């Protein structure tokens, strides 16, 4: 019985040591930057540098034109929505006028 407990403890200790070693390896890979995600930082740095690098004149002009076109498109959309709202407001049902009283109709006062 003591031998069974000793062998169980030895197996558990061996498994724990393996898991601890795996954790150590994972941490060292992350610290050194040699793991599967090592290239992600380099790619992100390239994208950031490309975005921050000074643009050529052509790129600046193209970006300005694109921004102007987007602004014009948004303005046209806004005007369309405003005209639709105005049209809808005009189409709203108005309450009827009260009927003309008979005395006013006979005497001609309501004209």
PDB file of N, CA and C in Angstrom:
ATOM      1  N   UNK A   1       0.810  -1.175   0.000  1.00  0.00           N
ATOM      2  CA  UNK A   1       0.000   0.000   0.000  1.00  0.00           C
ATOM      3  C   UNK A   1       0.862   1.250   0.000  1.00  0.00           C
ATOM      4  N   UNK A   2       1.891   1.269   0.731  1.00  0.00           N
ATOM      5  CA  UNK A   2       2.815   2.395   0.770  1.00  0.00           C
ATOM      6  C   UNK A   2       3.523   2.533  -0.571  1.00  0.00           C
ATOM      7  N   UNK A   3       3.804   1.386  -1.217  1.00  0.00           N
ATOM      8  CA  UNK A   3       4.452   1.431  -2.532  1.00  0.00           C
ATOM      9  C   UNK A   3       3.520   2.029  -3.573  1.00  0.00           C
ATOM     10  N   UNK A   4       2.194   1.725  -3.503  1.00  0.00           N
ATOM     11  CA  UNK A   4       1.220   2.282  -4.433  1.00  0.00           C
ATOM     12  C   UNK A   4       1.131   3.795  -4.281  1.00  0.00           C
ATOM     13  N   UNK A   5       1.083   4.263  -3.053  1.00  0.00           N
ATOM     14  CA  UNK A   5       1.029   5.709  -2.806  1.00  0.00           C
ATOM     15  C   UNK A   5       2.299   6.379  -3.287  1.00  0.00           C
ATOM     16  N   UNK A   6       3.447   5.746  -3.095  1.00  0.00           N
ATOM     17  CA  UNK A   6       4.712   6.314  -3.537  1.00  0.00           C
ATOM     18  C   UNK A   6       4.758   6.397  -5.054  1.00  0.00           C
ATOM     19  N   UNK A   7       4.295   5.341  -5.742  1.00  0.00           N
ATOM     20  CA  UNK A   7       4.309   5.363  -7.205  1.00  0.00           C
ATOM     21  C   UNK A   7       3.314   6.392  -7.740  1.00  0.00           C
ATOM     22  N   UNK A   8       2.147   6.522  -7.090  1.00  0.00           N
ATOM     23  CA  UNK A   8       1.167   7.535  -7.490  1.00  0.00           C
ATOM     24  C   UNK A   8       1.736   8.932  -7.297  1.00  0.00           C
ATOM     25  N   UNK A   9       2.381   9.141  -6.167  1.00  0.00           N
ATOM     26  CA  UNK A   9       2.994  10.446  -5.901  1.00  0.00           C
ATOM     27  C   UNK A   9       4.107  10.739  -6.900  1.00  0.00           C
ATOM     28  N   UNK A  10       4.878   9.730  -7.256  1.00  0.00           N
ATOM     29  CA  UNK A  10       5.959   9.909  -8.216  1.00  0.00           C
ATOM     30  C   UNK A  10       5.397  10.264  -9.592  1.00  0.00           C
ATOM     31  N   UNK A  11       4.322   9.585 -10.003  1.00  0.00           N
ATOM     32  CA  UNK A  11       3.697   9.882 -11.298  1.00  0.00           C
ATOM     33  C   UNK A  11       3.120  11.300 -11.306  1.00  0.00           C
ATOM     34  N   UNK A  12       2.446  11.665 -10.227  1.00  0.00           N
ATOM     35  CA  UNK A  12       1.875  13.010 -10.134  1.00  0.00           C
ATOM     36  C   UNK A  12       2.962  14.063 -10.162  1.00  0.00           C
ATOM     37  N   UNK A  13       4.057  13.800  -9.460  1.00  0.00           N
ATOM     38  CA  UNK A  13       5.172  14.739  -9.437  1.00  0.00           C
ATOM     39  C   UNK A  13       5.781  14.876 -10.827  1.00  0.00           C
ATOM     40  N   UNK A  14       5.896  13.758 -11.551  1.00  0.00           N
ATOM     41  CA  UNK A  14       6.454  13.796 -12.901  1.00  0.00           C
ATOM     42  C   UNK A  14       5.542  14.600 -13.831  1.00  0.00           C
ATOM     43  N   UNK A  15       4.228  14.397 -13.727  1.00  0.00           N
ATOM     44  CA  UNK A  15       3.283  15.155 -14.568  1.00  0.00           C
ATOM     45  C   UNK A  15       3.342  16.645 -14.246  1.00  0.00           C
ATOM     46  N   UNK A  16       3.399  16.967 -12.974  1.00  0.00           N
ATOM     47  CA  UNK A  16       3.496  18.369 -12.577  1.00  0.00           C
ATOM     48  C   UNK A  16       4.777  19.011 -13.088  1.00  0.00           C
ATOM     49  N   UNK A  17       5.884  18.286 -13.020  1.00  0.00           N
ATOM     50  CA  UNK A  17       7.155  18.813 -13.527  1.00  0.00           C
ATOM     51  C   UNK A  17       7.087  19.040 -15.027  1.00  0.00           C
ATOM     52  N   UNK A  18       6.407  18.154 -15.759  1.00  0.00           N
ATOM     53  CA  UNK A  18       6.246  18.327 -17.206  1.00  0.00           C
ATOM     54  C   UNK A  18       5.424  19.576 -17.514  1.00  0.00           C
ATOM     55  N   UNK A  19       4.345  19.760 -16.773  1.00  0.00           N
ATOM     56  CA  UNK A  19       3.491  20.924 -16.991  1.00  0.00           C
ATOM     57  C   UNK A  19       4.244  22.208 -16.659  1.00  0.00           C
ATOM     58  N   UNK A  20       4.992  22.192 -15.569  1.00  0.00           N
ATOM     59  CA  UNK A  20       5.781  23.372 -15.199  1.00  0.00           C
ATOM     60  C   UNK A  20       6.811  23.667 -16.277  1.00  0.00           C
ATOM     61  N   UNK A  21       7.427  22.656 -16.835  1.00  0.00           N
ATOM     62  CA  UNK A  21       8.411  22.863 -17.898  1.00  0.00           C
ATOM     63  C   UNK A  21       7.751  23.437 -19.150  1.00  0.00           C
ATOM     64  N   UNK A  22       6.542  22.955 -19.475  1.00  0.00           N
ATOM     65  CA  UNK A  22       5.818  23.500 -20.625  1.00  0.00           C
ATOM     66  C   UNK A  22       5.487  24.977 -20.413  1.00  0.00           C
ATOM     67  N   UNK A  23       5.092  25.316 -19.216  1.00  0.00           N
ATOM     68  CA  UNK A  23       4.788  26.720 -18.915  1.00  0.00           C
ATOM     69  C   UNK A  23       6.043  27.569 -19.030  1.00  0.00           C
ATOM     70  N   UNK A  24       7.160  27.063 -18.513  1.00  0.00           N
ATOM     71  CA  UNK A  24       8.427  27.792 -18.615  1.00  0.00           C
ATOM     72  C   UNK A  24       8.800  28.014 -20.072  1.00  0.00           C
ATOM     73  N   UNK A  25       8.653  26.973 -20.899  1.00  0.00           N
ATOM     74  CA  UNK A  25       8.983  27.097 -22.321  1.00  0.00           C
ATOM     75  C   UNK A  25       8.100  28.141 -23.005  1.00  0.00           C
ATOM     76  N   UNK A  26       6.815  28.125 -22.684  1.00  0.00           N
ATOM     77  CA  UNK A  26       5.897  29.097 -23.283  1.00  0.00           C
ATOM     78  C   UNK A  26       6.268  30.517 -22.888  1.00  0.00           C
ATOM     79  N   UNK A  27       6.596  30.715 -21.623  1.00  0.00           N
ATOM     80  CA  UNK A  27       6.966  32.048 -21.150  1.00  0.00           C
ATOM     81  C   UNK A  27       8.258  32.517 -21.811  1.00  0.00           C
ATOM     82  N   UNK A  28       9.250  31.643 -21.930  1.00  0.00           N
ATOM     83  CA  UNK A  28      10.503  32.051 -22.568  1.00  0.00           C
ATOM     84  C   UNK A  28      10.288  32.361 -24.042  1.00  0.00           C
ATOM     85  N   UNK A  29       9.402  31.634 -24.711  1.00  0.00           N
ATOM     86  CA  UNK A  29       9.103  31.942 -26.114  1.00  0.00           C
ATOM     87  C   UNK A  29       8.462  33.323 -26.227  1.00  0.00           C
ATOM     88  N   UNK A  30       7.560  33.633 -25.320  1.00  0.00           N
ATOM     89  CA  UNK A  30       6.923  34.945 -25.364  1.00  0.00           C
ATOM     90  C   UNK A  30       7.913  36.060 -25.070  1.00  0.00           C
ATOM     91  N   UNK A  31       8.787  35.829 -24.109  1.00  0.00           N
ATOM     92  CA  UNK A  31       9.757  36.860 -23.736  1.00  0.00           C
ATOM     93  C   UNK A  31      10.770  37.071 -24.858  1.00  0.00           C
ATOM     94  N   UNK A  32      11.261  35.996 -25.425  1.00  0.00           N
ATOM     95  CA  UNK A  32      12.260  36.103 -26.493  1.00  0.00           C
ATOM     96  C   UNK A  32      11.649  36.500 -27.827  1.00  0.00           C
ATOM     97  N   UNK A  33      10.341  36.293 -28.003  1.00  0.00           N
ATOM     98  CA  UNK A  33       9.709  36.605 -29.276  1.00  0.00           C
ATOM     99  C   UNK A  33       9.986  35.546 -30.315  1.00  0.00           C
ATOM    100  N   UNK A  34      10.083  34.295 -29.906  1.00  0.00           N
ATOM    101  CA  UNK A  34      10.360  33.224 -30.864  1.00  0.00           C
ATOM    102  C   UNK A  34       9.169  32.294 -31.036  1.00  0.00           C
ATOM    103  N   UNK A  35       8.030  32.606 -30.448  1.00  0.00           N
ATOM    104  CA  UNK A  35       6.873  31.729 -30.521  1.00  0.00           C
ATOM    105  C   UNK A  35       6.081  31.958 -31.796  1.00  0.00           C
ATOM    106  N   UNK A  36       4.893  31.382 -31.875  1.00  0.00           N
ATOM    107  CA  UNK A  36       4.069  31.525 -33.067  1.00  0.00           C
ATOM    108  C   UNK A  36       3.601  32.959 -33.313  1.00  0.00           C
ATOM    109  N   UNK A  37       3.538  33.782 -32.291  1.00  0.00           N
ATOM    110  CA  UNK A  37       3.094  35.165 -32.450  1.00  0.00           C
ATOM    111  C   UNK A  37       4.255  36.131 -32.622  1.00  0.00           C
ATOM    112  N   UNK A  38       5.449  35.620 -32.901  1.00  0.00           N
ATOM    113  CA  UNK A  38       6.622  36.494 -32.990  1.00  0.00           C
ATOM    114  C   UNK A  38       6.513  37.464 -34.160  1.00  0.00           C
ATOM    115  N   UNK A  39       5.961  37.032 -35.276  1.00  0.00           N
ATOM    116  CA  UNK A  39       5.873  37.899 -36.453  1.00  0.00           C
ATOM    117  C   UNK A  39       4.774  38.932 -36.363  1.00  0.00           C
ATOM    118  N   UNK A  40       3.837  38.752 -35.463  1.00  0.00           N
ATOM    119  CA  UNK A  40       2.707  39.676 -35.366  1.00  0.00           C
ATOM    120  C   UNK A  40       3.171  41.079 -34.997  1.00  0.00           C
ATOM    121  N   UNK A  41       4.103  41.180 -34.078  1.00  0.00           N
ATOM    122  CA  UNK A  41       4.580  42.499 -33.674  1.00  0.00           C
ATOM    123  C   UNK A  41       5.317  43.178 -34.828  1.00  0.00           C
ATOM    124  N   UNK A  42       6.124  42.423 -35.535  1.00  0.00           N
ATOM    125  CA  UNK A  42       6.865  43.008 -36.655  1.00  0.00           C
ATOM    126  C   UNK A  42       5.911  43.502 -37.738  1.00  0.00           C
ATOM    127  N   UNK A  43       4.864  42.725 -38.028  1.00  0.00           N
ATOM    128  CA  UNK A  43       3.891  43.145 -39.035  1.00  0.00           C
ATOM    129  C   UNK A  43       3.140  44.395 -38.579  1.00  0.00           C
ATOM    130  N   UNK A  44       2.777  44.438 -37.319  1.00  0.00           N
ATOM    131  CA  UNK A  44       2.074  45.611 -36.799  1.00  0.00           C
ATOM    132  C   UNK A  44       2.973  46.843 -36.851  1.00  0.00           C
ATOM    133  N   UNK A  45       4.244  46.655 -36.563  1.00  0.00           N
ATOM    134  CA  UNK A  45       5.189  47.778 -36.623  1.00  0.00           C
ATOM    135  C   UNK A  45       5.325  48.290 -38.054  1.00  0.00           C
ATOM    136  N   UNK A  46       5.358  47.385 -39.030  1.00  0.00           N
ATOM    137  CA  UNK A  46       5.450  47.801 -40.436  1.00  0.00           C
ATOM    138  C   UNK A  46       4.237  48.620 -40.844  1.00  0.00           C
ATOM    139  N   UNK A  47       3.061  48.171 -40.441  1.00  0.00           N
ATOM    140  CA  UNK A  47       1.840  48.892 -40.795  1.00  0.00           C
ATOM    141  C   UNK A  47       1.840  50.273 -40.163  1.00  0.00           C
ATOM    142  N   UNK A  48       2.255  50.351 -38.917  1.00  0.00           N
ATOM    143  CA  UNK A  48       2.288  51.637 -38.234  1.00  0.00           C
ATOM    144  C   UNK A  48       3.294  52.574 -38.889  1.00  0.00           C
ATOM    145  N   UNK A  49       4.456  52.073 -39.228  1.00  0.00           N
ATOM    146  CA  UNK A  49       5.457  52.908 -39.876  1.00  0.00           C
ATOM    147  C   UNK A  49       4.992  53.366 -41.245  1.00  0.00           C
ATOM    148  N   UNK A  50       4.323  52.476 -41.983  1.00  0.00           N
ATOM    149  CA  UNK A  50       3.819  52.853 -43.304  1.00  0.00           C
ATOM    150  C   UNK A  50       2.768  53.952 -43.177  1.00  0.00           C
ATOM    151  N   UNK A  51       1.970  53.879 -42.135  1.00  0.00           N
ATOM    152  CA  UNK A  51       0.940  54.894 -41.936  1.00  0.00           C
ATOM    153  C   UNK A  51       1.552  56.221 -41.522  1.00  0.00           C
ATOM    154  N   UNK A  52       2.639  56.188 -40.759  1.00  0.00           N
ATOM    155  CA  UNK A  52       3.237  57.411 -40.246  1.00  0.00           C
ATOM    156  C   UNK A  52       4.268  58.026 -41.182  1.00  0.00           C
ATOM    157  N   UNK A  53       4.699  57.275 -42.183  1.00  0.00           N
ATOM    158  CA  UNK A  53       5.682  57.819 -43.113  1.00  0.00           C
ATOM    159  C   UNK A  53       5.057  58.965 -43.900  1.00  0.00           C
ATOM    160  N   UNK A  54       5.882  59.949 -44.278  1.00  0.00           N
ATOM    161  CA  UNK A  54       5.341  61.052 -45.067  1.00  0.00           C
ATOM    162  C   UNK A  54       4.827  60.538 -46.411  1.00  0.00           C
ATOM    163  N   UNK A  55       3.660  61.023 -46.806  1.00  0.00           N
ATOM    164  CA  UNK A  55       3.053  60.580 -48.054  1.00  0.00           C
ATOM    165  C   UNK A  55       3.579  61.401 -49.213  1.00  0.00           C
ATOM    166  N   UNK A  56       3.462  60.818 -50.400  1.00  0.00           N
ATOM    167  CA  UNK A  56       3.841  61.567 -51.596  1.00  0.00           C
ATOM    168  C   UNK A  56       2.734  62.563 -51.901  1.00  0.00           C
ATOM    169  N   UNK A  57       3.017  63.484 -52.789  1.00  0.00           N
ATOM    170  CA  UNK A  57       2.044  64.513 -53.150  1.00  0.00           C
ATOM    171  C   UNK A  57       0.818  63.867 -53.786  1.00  0.00           C
ATOM    172  N   UNK A  58       1.059  62.850 -54.639  1.00  0.00           N
ATOM    173  CA  UNK A  58      -0.062  62.182 -55.289  1.00  0.00           C
ATOM    174  C   UNK A  58      -0.992  61.535 -54.265  1.00  0.00           C
ATOM    175  N   UNK A  59      -0.400  60.899 -53.257  1.00  0.00           N
ATOM    176  CA  UNK A  59      -1.216  60.249 -52.232  1.00  0.00           C
ATOM    177  C   UNK A  59      -1.996  61.283 -51.423  1.00  0.00           C
ATOM    178  N   UNK A  60      -1.361  62.408 -51.138  1.00  0.00           N
ATOM    179  CA  UNK A  60      -2.046  63.450 -50.383  1.00  0.00           C
ATOM    180  C   UNK A  60      -3.212  64.030 -51.185  1.00  0.00           C
ATOM    181  N   UNK A  61      -2.983  64.262 -52.489  1.00  0.00           N
ATOM    182  CA  UNK A  61      -4.045  64.792 -53.342  1.00  0.00           C
ATOM    183  C   UNK A  61      -5.181  63.780 -53.452  1.00  0.00           C
ATOM    184  N   UNK A  62      -4.840  62.508 -53.647  1.00  0.00           N
ATOM    185  CA  UNK A  62      -5.868  61.470 -53.750  1.00  0.00           C
ATOM    186  C   UNK A  62      -6.679  61.378 -52.453  1.00  0.00           C
ATOM    187  N   UNK A  63      -6.016  61.472 -51.325  1.00  0.00           N
ATOM    188  CA  UNK A  63      -6.721  61.413 -50.043  1.00  0.00           C
ATOM    189  C   UNK A  63      -7.633  62.625 -49.872  1.00  0.00           C
ATOM    190  N   UNK A  64      -7.161  63.807 -50.275  1.00  0.00           N
ATOM    191  CA  UNK A  64      -7.975  65.013 -50.165  1.00  0.00           C
ATOM    192  C   UNK A  64      -9.201  64.924 -51.069  1.00  0.00           C
ATOM    193  N   UNK A  65      -9.015  64.430 -52.300  1.00  0.00           N
ATOM    194  CA  UNK A  65     -10.144  64.274 -53.219  1.00  0.00           C
ATOM    195  C   UNK A  65     -11.146  63.245 -52.696  1.00  0.00           C
ATOM    196  N   UNK A  66     -10.635  62.167 -52.149  1.00  0.00           N
ATOM    197  CA  UNK A  66     -11.530  61.148 -51.594  1.00  0.00           C
ATOM    198  C   UNK A  66     -12.329  61.714 -50.422  1.00  0.00           C
ATOM    199  N   UNK A  67     -11.682  62.506 -49.585  1.00  0.00           N
ATOM    200  CA  UNK A  67     -12.379  63.118 -48.454  1.00  0.00           C
ATOM    201  C   UNK A  67     -13.440  64.100 -48.941  1.00  0.00           C
ATOM    202  N   UNK A  68     -13.102  64.874 -49.994  1.00  0.00           N
ATOM    203  CA  UNK A  68     -14.049  65.835 -50.543  1.00  0.00           C
ATOM    204  C   UNK A  68     -15.253  65.129 -51.151  1.00  0.00           C
ATOM    205  N   UNK A  69     -15.006  64.037 -51.882  1.00  0.00           N
ATOM    206  CA  UNK A  69     -16.102  63.276 -52.480  1.00  0.00           C
ATOM    207  C   UNK A  69     -16.988  62.652 -51.397  1.00  0.00           C
ATOM    208  N   UNK A  70     -16.377  62.155 -50.353  1.00  0.00           N
ATOM    209  CA  UNK A  70     -17.144  61.556 -49.253  1.00  0.00           C
ATOM    210  C   UNK A  70     -18.000  62.616 -48.574  1.00  0.00           C
ATOM    211  N   UNK A  71     -17.431  63.800 -48.381  1.00  0.00           N
ATOM    212  CA  UNK A  71     -18.192  64.882 -47.761  1.00  0.00           C
ATOM    213  C   UNK A  71     -19.360  65.294 -48.651  1.00  0.00           C
ATOM    214  N   UNK A  72     -19.132  65.372 -49.968  1.00  0.00           N
ATOM    215  CA  UNK A  72     -20.205  65.732 -50.898  1.00  0.00           C
ATOM    216  C   UNK A  72     -21.292  64.654 -50.906  1.00  0.00           C
ATOM    217  N   UNK A  73     -20.889  63.403 -50.838  1.00  0.00           N
ATOM    218  CA  UNK A  73     -21.854  62.308 -50.822  1.00  0.00           C
ATOM    219  C   UNK A  73     -22.699  62.366 -49.552  1.00  0.00           C
ATOM    220  N   UNK A  74     -22.047  62.626 -48.425  1.00  0.00           N
ATOM    221  CA  UNK A  74     -22.772  62.733 -47.163  1.00  0.00           C
ATOM    222  C   UNK A  74     -23.739  63.930 -47.192  1.00  0.00           C
ATOM    223  N   UNK A  75     -23.302  65.045 -47.780  1.00  0.00           N
ATOM    224  CA  UNK A  75     -24.153  66.241 -47.868  1.00  0.00           C
ATOM    225  C   UNK A  75     -25.367  65.955 -48.750  1.00  0.00           C
ATOM    226  N   UNK A  76     -25.152  65.282 -49.893  1.00  0.00           N
ATOM    227  CA  UNK A  76     -26.264  64.944 -50.792  1.00  0.00           C
ATOM    228  C   UNK A  76     -27.248  64.010 -50.087  1.00  0.00           C
ATOM    229  N   UNK A  77     -26.739  63.061 -49.359  1.00  0.00           N
ATOM    230  CA  UNK A  77     -27.597  62.142 -48.614  1.00  0.00           C
ATOM    231  C   UNK A  77     -28.400  62.906 -47.561  1.00  0.00           C
ATOM    232  N   UNK A  78     -27.741  63.837 -46.887  1.00  0.00           N
ATOM    233  CA  UNK A  78     -28.419  64.645 -45.866  1.00  0.00           C
ATOM    234  C   UNK A  78     -29.527  65.487 -46.496  1.00  0.00           C
ATOM    235  N   UNK A  79     -29.246  66.073 -47.667  1.00  0.00           N
ATOM    236  CA  UNK A  79     -30.252  66.889 -48.353  1.00  0.00           C
ATOM    237  C   UNK A  79     -31.422  66.028 -48.801  1.00  0.00           C
ATOM    238  N   UNK A  80     -31.152  64.818 -49.290  1.00  0.00           N
ATOM    239  CA  UNK A  80     -32.221  63.911 -49.697  1.00  0.00           C
ATOM    240  C   UNK A  80     -33.109  63.565 -48.516  1.00  0.00           C
ATOM    241  N   UNK A  81     -32.512  63.264 -47.389  1.00  0.00           N
ATOM    242  CA  UNK A  81     -33.283  62.921 -46.195  1.00  0.00           C
ATOM    243  C   UNK A  81     -34.105  64.126 -45.746  1.00  0.00           C
ATOM    244  N   UNK A  82     -33.512  65.322 -45.806  1.00  0.00           N
ATOM    245  CA  UNK A  82     -34.229  66.525 -45.389  1.00  0.00           C
ATOM    246  C   UNK A  82     -35.419  66.779 -46.314  1.00  0.00           C
ATOM    247  N   UNK A  83     -35.228  66.605 -47.620  1.00  0.00           N
ATOM    248  CA  UNK A  83     -36.343  66.829 -48.544  1.00  0.00           C
ATOM    249  C   UNK A  83     -37.441  65.786 -48.343  1.00  0.00           C
ATOM    250  N   UNK A  84     -37.054  64.551 -48.045  1.00  0.00           N
ATOM    251  CA  UNK A  84     -38.059  63.525 -47.770  1.00  0.00           C
ATOM    252  C   UNK A  84     -38.852  63.847 -46.503  1.00  0.00           C
ATOM    253  N   UNK A  85     -38.169  64.339 -45.483  1.00  0.00           N
ATOM    254  CA  UNK A  85     -38.866  64.713 -44.255  1.00  0.00           C
ATOM    255  C   UNK A  85     -39.837  65.865 -44.514  1.00  0.00           C
ATOM    256  N   UNK A  86     -39.406  66.845 -45.323  1.00  0.00           N
ATOM    257  CA  UNK A  86     -40.257  67.987 -45.639  1.00  0.00           C
ATOM    258  C   UNK A  86     -41.493  67.537 -46.418  1.00  0.00           C
ATOM    259  N   UNK A  87     -41.284  66.671 -47.395  1.00  0.00           N
ATOM    260  CA  UNK A  87     -42.399  66.154 -48.190  1.00  0.00           C
ATOM    261  C   UNK A  87     -43.359  65.369 -47.312  1.00  0.00           C
ATOM    262  N   UNK A  88     -42.835  64.565 -46.424  1.00  0.00           N
ATOM    263  CA  UNK A  88     -43.672  63.777 -45.538  1.00  0.00           C
ATOM    264  C   UNK A  88     -44.474  64.683 -44.605  1.00  0.00           C
ATOM    265  N   UNK A  89     -43.865  65.751 -44.150  1.00  0.00           N
ATOM    266  CA  UNK A  89     -44.572  66.682 -43.278  1.00  0.00           C
ATOM    267  C   UNK A  89     -45.715  67.362 -44.027  1.00  0.00           C
ATOM    268  N   UNK A  90     -45.520  67.654 -45.320  1.00  0.00           N
ATOM    269  CA  UNK A  90     -46.571  68.283 -46.107  1.00  0.00           C
ATOM    270  C   UNK A  90     -47.719  67.316 -46.378  1.00  0.00           C
ATOM    271  N   UNK A  91     -47.404  66.030 -46.442  1.00  0.00           N
ATOM    272  CA  UNK A  91     -48.426  65.033 -46.725  1.00  0.00           C
ATOM    273  C   UNK A  91     -49.238  64.651 -45.498  1.00  0.00           C
ATOM    274  N   UNK A  92     -48.853  65.141 -44.356  1.00  0.00           N
ATOM    275  CA  UNK A  92     -49.579  64.802 -43.134  1.00  0.00           C
ATOM    276  C   UNK A  92     -51.005  65.330 -43.224  1.00  0.00           C
ATOM    277  N   UNK A  93     -51.933  64.563 -42.708  1.00  0.00           N
ATOM    278  CA  UNK A  93     -53.341  64.949 -42.777  1.00  0.00           C
ATOM    279  C   UNK A  93     -53.600  66.123 -41.844  1.00  0.00           C
ATOM    280  N   UNK A  94     -54.274  67.113 -42.397  1.00  0.00           N
ATOM    281  CA  UNK A  94     -54.596  68.302 -41.618  1.00  0.00           C
ATOM    282  C   UNK A  94     -56.045  68.189 -41.143  1.00  0.00           C
ATOM    283  N   UNK A  95     -56.321  68.711 -39.990  1.00  0.00           N
ATOM    284  CA  UNK A  95     -57.711  68.629 -39.514  1.00  0.00           C
ATOM    285  C   UNK A  95     -58.616  69.496 -40.403  1.00  0.00           C
ATOM    286  N   UNK A  96     -59.832  69.043 -40.636  1.00  0.00           N
ATOM    287  CA  UNK A  96     -60.727  69.826 -41.504  1.00  0.00           C
ATOM    288  C   UNK A  96     -61.133  71.145 -40.849  1.00  0.00           C
ATOM    289  N   UNK A  97     -61.448  72.094 -41.702  1.00  0.00           N
ATOM    290  CA  UNK A  97     -61.905  73.377 -41.184  1.00  0.00           C
ATOM    291  C   UNK A  97     -63.327  73.200 -40.645  1.00  0.00           C
ATOM    292  N   UNK A  98     -63.645  73.953 -39.631  1.00  0.00           N
ATOM    293  CA  UNK A  98     -65.012  73.819 -39.110  1.00  0.00           C
ATOM    294  C   UNK A  98     -66.027  74.279 -40.176  1.00  0.00           C
ATOM    295  N   UNK A  99     -67.185  73.656 -40.203  1.00  0.00           N
ATOM    296  CA  UNK A  99     -68.177  74.051 -41.217  1.00  0.00           C
ATOM    297  C   UNK A  99     -68.647  75.497 -40.998  1.00  0.00           C
ATOM    298  N   UNK A 100     -69.021  76.114 -42.115  1.00  0.00           N
ATOM    299  CA  UNK A 100     -69.481  77.490 -42.038  1.00  0.00           C
ATOM    300  C   UNK A 100     -70.909  77.492 -41.469  1.00  0.00           C
ATOM    301  N   UNK A 101     -71.122  78.414 -40.561  1.00  0.00           N
ATOM    302  CA  UNK A 101     -72.459  78.491 -39.973  1.00  0.00           C
ATOM    303  C   UNK A 101     -73.463  78.986 -41.006  1.00  0.00           C
ATOM    304  N   UNK A 102     -74.716  78.564 -40.815  1.00  0.00           N
ATOM    305  CA  UNK A 102     -75.750  78.896 -41.798  1.00  0.00           C
ATOM    306  C   UNK A 102     -75.955  80.403 -41.899  1.00  0.00           C
ATOM    307  N   UNK A 103     -75.941  81.090 -40.789  1.00  0.00           N
ATOM    308  CA  UNK A 103     -76.157  82.532 -40.793  1.00  0.00           C
ATOM    309  C   UNK A 103     -75.044  83.220 -41.580  1.00  0.00           C
ATOM    310  N   UNK A 104     -73.836  82.758 -41.444  1.00  0.00           N
ATOM    311  CA  UNK A 104     -72.733  83.367 -42.179  1.00  0.00           C
ATOM    312  C   UNK A 104     -72.867  83.092 -43.667  1.00  0.00           C
ATOM    313  N   UNK A 105     -73.350  81.898 -44.006  1.00  0.00           N
ATOM    314  CA  UNK A 105     -73.498  81.549 -45.417  1.00  0.00           C
ATOM    315  C   UNK A 105     -74.622  82.381 -46.040  1.00  0.00           C
ATOM    316  N   UNK A 106     -75.737  82.541 -45.346  1.00  0.00           N
ATOM    317  CA  UNK A 106     -76.876  83.277 -45.874  1.00  0.00           C
ATOM    318  C   UNK A 106     -76.546  84.755 -45.986  1.00  0.00           C
ATOM    319  N   UNK A 107     -75.864  85.285 -44.995  1.00  0.00           N
ATOM    320  CA  UNK A 107     -75.563  86.714 -44.980  1.00  0.00           C
ATOM    321  C   UNK A 107     -74.330  87.047 -45.814  1.00  0.00           C
ATOM    322  N   UNK A 108     -73.544  86.029 -46.194  1.00  0.00           N
ATOM    323  CA  UNK A 108     -72.370  86.277 -47.002  1.00  0.00           C
ATOM    324  C   UNK A 108     -71.193  86.805 -46.209  1.00  0.00           C
ATOM    325  N   UNK A 109     -71.159  86.539 -44.931  1.00  0.00           N
ATOM    326  CA  UNK A 109     -70.080  87.052 -44.084  1.00  0.00           C
ATOM    327  C   UNK A 109     -68.798  86.250 -44.182  1.00  0.00           C
ATOM    328  N   UNK A 110     -68.849  85.000 -44.549  1.00  0.00           N
ATOM    329  CA  UNK A 110     -67.682  84.127 -44.474  1.00  0.00           C
ATOM    330  C   UNK A 110     -66.791  84.147 -45.689  1.00  0.00           C
ATOM    331  N   UNK A 111     -67.085  85.007 -46.638  1.00  0.00           N
ATOM    332  CA  UNK A 111     -66.304  84.987 -47.872  1.00  0.00           C
ATOM    333  C   UNK A 111     -65.123  85.831 -47.784  1.00  0.00           C
TER     334      UNK A 111
END
